[in-house]
Amino acid sequence: MLTATMPTAAAHPALRAPAAAPQRIADTLQGLQDHVEISRRILHAGDSLYRTGDNFGCLHVVHSGFFKTLNLAADGREQVVGLHFKGDWLGFDGIATGRYGCDAVALDTGEVWSVRYDALLAACARHAPLLGLLHAAMSREISRDRDSLLSLCTLSADARVADFLRYWAEAMAQCGLRNDQITLRMTRAEIGNYLGMTVETVSRALTKLARGQLIAFTERGRRDICIPDVSALAAYVQRSLAPSPVLQ
């Protein structure tokens, strides 16, 4: 007899309903602007916001642009460990030790708002809603790290790439930008590094998704990708989680 058990719909982060991110982002930026002194900084592709081992003093919020965080692997290679979009916070890893635990690097031209951590704590003591925003940001960071590990451990290579594209597209929508056509700010090598696969595997996965009409490449280049239906990518990820039928 063939038996198969389908996972529950809430089992994977790809299936979770997105939060009201545009309003959350607006509330965060406005709250900081109203209650704490902000230092604004423009960075260009390849610029470092901070590096591993730098003294911690500030937390940073992405106002525009895209950023990656990375660590050095044991063999000296750079390992991409996070992607960050508008409204995301950077620098939480420096609170415990007093030093930043990774590099934060711009993927394109963007603006970062920096606030001194001690000044932020003082502002939170005066204005409780700001403390709630800070705690919520920390919670999202923890959840994001857990979801990333879950994807790495449970998804096939093709599904990991599909989930990566879904995440990028949803982040664009949450920033108020179109997400039916996205421009990846990462090379195939960086994507593979982030997802734990080779460049060749990333390319094969993208080709397979294109053959399945889940994505399409534009005439401008292989970094410009059309996504006709983001929910179809999420459904593809869900199907990959279904266990193969077992013959009994």
Protein backbone atom coordinates (compact mmCIF):
# COMPACT_ATOMS: atom_id res chain seq x y z
CA MET A 1 0.00 0.00 0.00
CA LEU A 2 1.25 3.49 -0.82
CA THR A 3 1.14 5.93 2.07
CA ALA A 4 2.20 9.54 2.22
CA THR A 5 1.85 12.20 4.86
CA MET A 6 1.64 15.83 3.84
CA PRO A 7 3.31 18.42 6.12
CA THR A 8 1.10 21.00 7.76
CA ALA A 9 0.69 24.30 5.94
CA ALA A 10 2.46 26.22 8.68
CA ALA A 11 5.51 23.96 8.71
CA HIS A 12 7.73 26.14 6.55
CA PRO A 13 8.45 29.89 6.55
CA ALA A 14 7.61 30.15 2.85
CA LEU A 15 3.96 29.58 3.73
CA ARG A 16 3.57 32.17 6.46
CA ALA A 17 1.45 35.20 5.69
CA PRO A 18 3.67 38.30 5.46
CA ALA A 19 3.26 40.81 8.24
CA ALA A 20 2.14 44.39 7.59
CA ALA A 21 5.76 45.28 6.92
CA PRO A 22 5.36 48.68 5.21
CA GLN A 23 3.60 50.10 8.26
CA ARG A 24 6.09 48.46 10.63
CA ILE A 25 9.00 49.93 8.70
CA ALA A 26 7.39 53.37 8.67
CA ASP A 27 6.70 53.16 12.42
CA THR A 28 10.29 52.15 13.14
CA LEU A 29 11.84 54.95 11.09
CA GLN A 30 9.44 57.53 12.49
CA GLY A 31 9.97 56.33 16.05
CA LEU A 32 13.73 56.65 15.73
CA GLN A 33 13.45 60.04 14.09
CA ASP A 34 11.20 61.34 16.87
CA HIS A 35 13.06 60.02 19.92
CA VAL A 36 16.77 59.53 19.24
CA GLU A 37 19.59 61.29 17.42
CA ILE A 38 20.24 59.65 14.06
CA SER A 39 23.43 59.58 12.01
CA ARG A 40 22.74 59.07 8.31
CA ARG A 41 25.28 57.47 6.02
CA ILE A 42 25.29 56.70 2.29
CA LEU A 43 27.16 53.58 1.23
CA HIS A 44 27.90 52.23 -2.23
CA ALA A 45 28.25 48.65 -3.47
CA GLY A 46 31.17 47.01 -1.69
CA ASP A 47 31.39 49.58 1.12
CA SER A 48 31.57 48.19 4.65
CA LEU A 49 29.29 49.55 7.34
CA TYR A 50 31.38 47.75 9.97
CA ARG A 51 33.78 44.83 10.12
CA THR A 52 34.24 41.82 12.36
CA GLY A 53 35.96 42.85 15.57
CA ASP A 54 35.12 46.56 15.31
CA ASN A 55 34.05 48.10 18.61
CA PHE A 56 30.30 48.05 19.04
CA GLY A 57 28.60 51.33 19.81
CA CYS A 58 25.70 51.69 17.42
CA LEU A 59 22.80 49.78 15.96
CA HIS A 60 21.92 50.45 12.35
CA VAL A 61 18.66 50.43 10.38
CA VAL A 62 18.57 50.07 6.60
CA HIS A 63 16.68 53.05 5.17
CA SER A 64 17.28 52.12 1.53
CA GLY A 65 19.35 49.68 -0.48
CA PHE A 66 20.43 46.10 0.20
CA PHE A 67 23.10 44.74 2.53
CA LYS A 68 24.72 41.42 3.28
CA THR A 69 26.41 40.20 6.44
CA LEU A 70 29.28 37.76 6.20
CA ASN A 71 31.81 35.87 8.27
CA LEU A 72 35.13 34.29 7.44
CA ALA A 73 34.99 30.50 7.26
CA ALA A 74 37.73 28.36 8.83
CA ASP A 75 39.52 28.15 5.46
CA GLY A 76 39.51 31.94 5.05
CA ARG A 77 36.63 32.16 2.57
CA GLU A 78 33.84 34.66 3.04
CA GLN A 79 30.52 33.10 4.09
CA VAL A 80 27.35 35.10 3.48
CA VAL A 81 25.17 34.67 6.57
CA GLY A 82 22.40 37.23 6.08
CA LEU A 83 20.57 39.54 3.69
CA HIS A 84 19.07 42.82 4.84
CA PHE A 85 16.50 45.10 3.26
CA LYS A 86 14.74 48.36 4.15
CA GLY A 87 13.67 48.42 7.80
CA ASP A 88 16.08 45.66 8.86
CA TRP A 89 18.40 46.25 11.80
CA LEU A 90 22.13 45.53 11.74
CA GLY A 91 24.54 45.10 14.62
CA PHE A 92 22.62 43.05 17.21
CA ASP A 93 25.51 40.58 17.35
CA GLY A 94 27.74 43.24 18.91
CA ILE A 95 25.63 43.80 22.02
CA ALA A 96 26.83 40.78 24.02
CA THR A 97 30.58 41.07 23.42
CA GLY A 98 31.05 44.77 22.69
CA ARG A 99 32.40 43.96 19.22
CA TYR A 100 30.65 43.27 15.95
CA GLY A 101 30.70 39.57 15.08
CA CYS A 102 30.50 39.88 11.29
CA ASP A 103 31.03 42.23 8.35
CA ALA A 104 28.12 44.30 7.01
CA VAL A 105 28.58 45.21 3.35
CA ALA A 106 26.43 47.18 0.92
CA LEU A 107 25.18 45.33 -2.16
CA ASP A 108 24.28 48.56 -3.94
CA THR A 109 23.91 52.26 -3.12
CA GLY A 110 21.87 52.65 0.05
CA GLU A 111 21.34 54.72 3.17
CA VAL A 112 21.74 53.53 6.76
CA TRP A 113 20.48 55.23 9.91
CA SER A 114 22.79 54.66 12.87
CA VAL A 115 21.87 55.27 16.51
CA ARG A 116 24.06 54.98 19.58
CA TYR A 117 22.99 51.96 21.60
CA ASP A 118 23.17 53.75 24.95
CA ALA A 119 21.09 56.64 23.59
CA LEU A 120 18.59 54.17 22.16
CA LEU A 121 18.18 52.42 25.51
CA ALA A 122 17.62 55.76 27.21
CA ALA A 123 15.01 56.69 24.61
CA CYS A 124 13.30 53.32 25.09
CA ALA A 125 13.06 53.99 28.84
CA ARG A 126 11.27 57.26 28.10
CA HIS A 127 9.08 55.92 25.29
CA ALA A 128 7.85 52.33 25.75
CA PRO A 129 6.60 51.81 22.15
CA LEU A 130 10.16 52.31 20.92
CA LEU A 131 11.29 49.47 23.19
CA GLY A 132 8.57 47.30 21.67
CA LEU A 133 9.91 48.05 18.18
CA LEU A 134 13.42 47.11 19.28
CA HIS A 135 12.29 43.83 20.85
CA ALA A 136 10.23 42.99 17.75
CA ALA A 137 13.28 43.57 15.55
CA MET A 138 15.36 41.24 17.71
CA SER A 139 12.63 38.61 17.55
CA ARG A 140 12.48 38.82 13.76
CA GLU A 141 16.25 38.38 13.59
CA ILE A 142 16.06 35.22 15.69
CA SER A 143 13.18 33.87 13.58
CA ARG A 144 15.03 34.66 10.36
CA ASP A 145 18.13 32.78 11.49
CA ARG A 146 15.98 29.78 12.49
CA ASP A 147 14.12 29.81 9.16
CA SER A 148 17.38 30.00 7.24
CA LEU A 149 18.71 26.96 9.08
CA LEU A 150 15.42 25.13 8.51
CA SER A 151 15.61 25.75 4.76
CA LEU A 152 19.21 24.58 4.63
CA CYS A 153 18.38 21.36 6.49
CA THR A 154 15.06 20.41 4.88
CA LEU A 155 14.89 21.76 1.32
CA SER A 156 16.34 20.40 -1.90
CA ALA A 157 18.71 22.61 -3.89
CA ASP A 158 15.96 23.65 -6.33
CA ALA A 159 13.57 24.49 -3.51
CA ARG A 160 16.24 26.47 -1.65
CA VAL A 161 16.75 28.66 -4.70
CA ALA A 162 12.98 29.03 -5.12
CA ASP A 163 12.65 30.01 -1.46
CA PHE A 164 15.51 32.51 -1.83
CA LEU A 165 13.75 34.17 -4.79
CA ARG A 166 10.44 34.17 -2.89
CA TYR A 167 12.10 35.86 0.08
CA TRP A 168 13.74 38.49 -2.12
CA ALA A 169 10.50 39.22 -3.98
CA GLU A 170 8.48 39.50 -0.76
CA ALA A 171 11.11 41.84 0.69
CA MET A 172 10.68 44.07 -2.37
CA ALA A 173 6.93 44.16 -1.86
CA GLN A 174 7.35 45.00 1.82
CA CYS A 175 9.53 47.95 0.80
CA GLY A 176 6.74 49.18 -1.48
CA LEU A 177 8.59 48.13 -4.64
CA ARG A 178 7.43 45.97 -7.53
CA ASN A 179 8.23 42.30 -7.07
CA ASP A 180 7.16 40.80 -10.38
CA GLN A 181 10.62 41.66 -11.72
CA ILE A 182 13.61 41.72 -9.40
CA THR A 183 17.29 42.47 -9.90
CA LEU A 184 19.47 40.19 -7.83
CA ARG A 185 22.31 42.16 -6.25
CA MET A 186 24.32 38.99 -5.71
CA THR A 187 26.41 36.89 -8.07
CA ARG A 188 25.64 33.21 -8.59
CA ALA A 189 28.69 32.47 -6.43
CA GLU A 190 27.34 34.62 -3.58
CA ILE A 191 23.91 33.00 -3.83
CA GLY A 192 25.51 29.56 -3.71
CA ASN A 193 27.65 30.62 -0.78
CA TYR A 194 24.57 31.82 1.11
CA LEU A 195 22.48 28.74 0.29
CA GLY A 196 25.25 26.18 0.79
CA MET A 197 25.61 24.98 -2.80
CA THR A 198 27.93 25.31 -5.77
CA VAL A 199 27.62 27.88 -8.54
CA GLU A 200 26.75 25.09 -10.97
CA THR A 201 23.94 23.85 -8.72
CA VAL A 202 22.50 27.38 -8.45
CA SER A 203 22.56 27.75 -12.24
CA ARG A 204 20.88 24.37 -12.75
CA ALA A 205 18.20 25.24 -10.21
CA LEU A 206 17.47 28.58 -11.89
CA THR A 207 17.26 26.87 -15.28
CA LYS A 208 14.84 24.27 -13.87
CA LEU A 209 12.63 26.98 -12.35
CA ALA A 210 12.64 28.81 -15.68
CA ARG A 211 11.66 25.64 -17.55
CA GLY A 212 8.79 25.24 -15.10
CA GLN A 213 7.75 28.83 -15.90
CA LEU A 214 8.07 29.86 -12.27
CA ILE A 215 10.60 32.50 -13.30
CA ALA A 216 11.90 34.00 -16.53
CA PHE A 217 15.11 35.81 -17.39
CA THR A 218 14.84 39.25 -18.95
CA GLU A 219 16.75 40.38 -22.01
CA ARG A 220 18.87 42.73 -19.88
CA GLY A 221 20.80 39.98 -18.13
CA ARG A 222 20.73 36.91 -15.94
CA ARG A 223 20.46 38.97 -12.75
CA ASP A 224 17.11 40.42 -13.82
CA ILE A 225 14.41 37.85 -13.11
CA CYS A 226 10.67 37.98 -13.76
CA ILE A 227 8.45 36.25 -11.21
CA PRO A 228 4.91 35.95 -12.60
CA ASP A 229 3.45 34.65 -9.32
CA VAL A 230 5.36 34.73 -6.03
CA SER A 231 2.83 32.38 -4.43
CA ALA A 232 3.71 29.78 -7.05
CA LEU A 233 7.29 29.77 -5.74
CA ALA A 234 5.97 29.19 -2.21
CA ALA A 235 3.80 26.33 -3.50
CA TYR A 236 6.84 24.81 -5.22
CA VAL A 237 8.72 24.89 -1.92
CA GLN A 238 5.78 23.24 -0.17
CA ARG A 239 5.62 20.43 -2.71
CA SER A 240 9.30 19.71 -2.17
CA LEU A 241 8.58 19.08 1.51
CA ALA A 242 6.11 16.29 0.79
CA PRO A 243 7.79 12.94 1.55
CA SER A 244 8.05 10.37 -1.19
CA PRO A 245 5.45 7.59 -1.05
CA VAL A 246 6.67 4.56 0.89
CA LEU A 247 5.85 1.08 -0.39
CA GLN A 248 4.60 -1.14 2.44
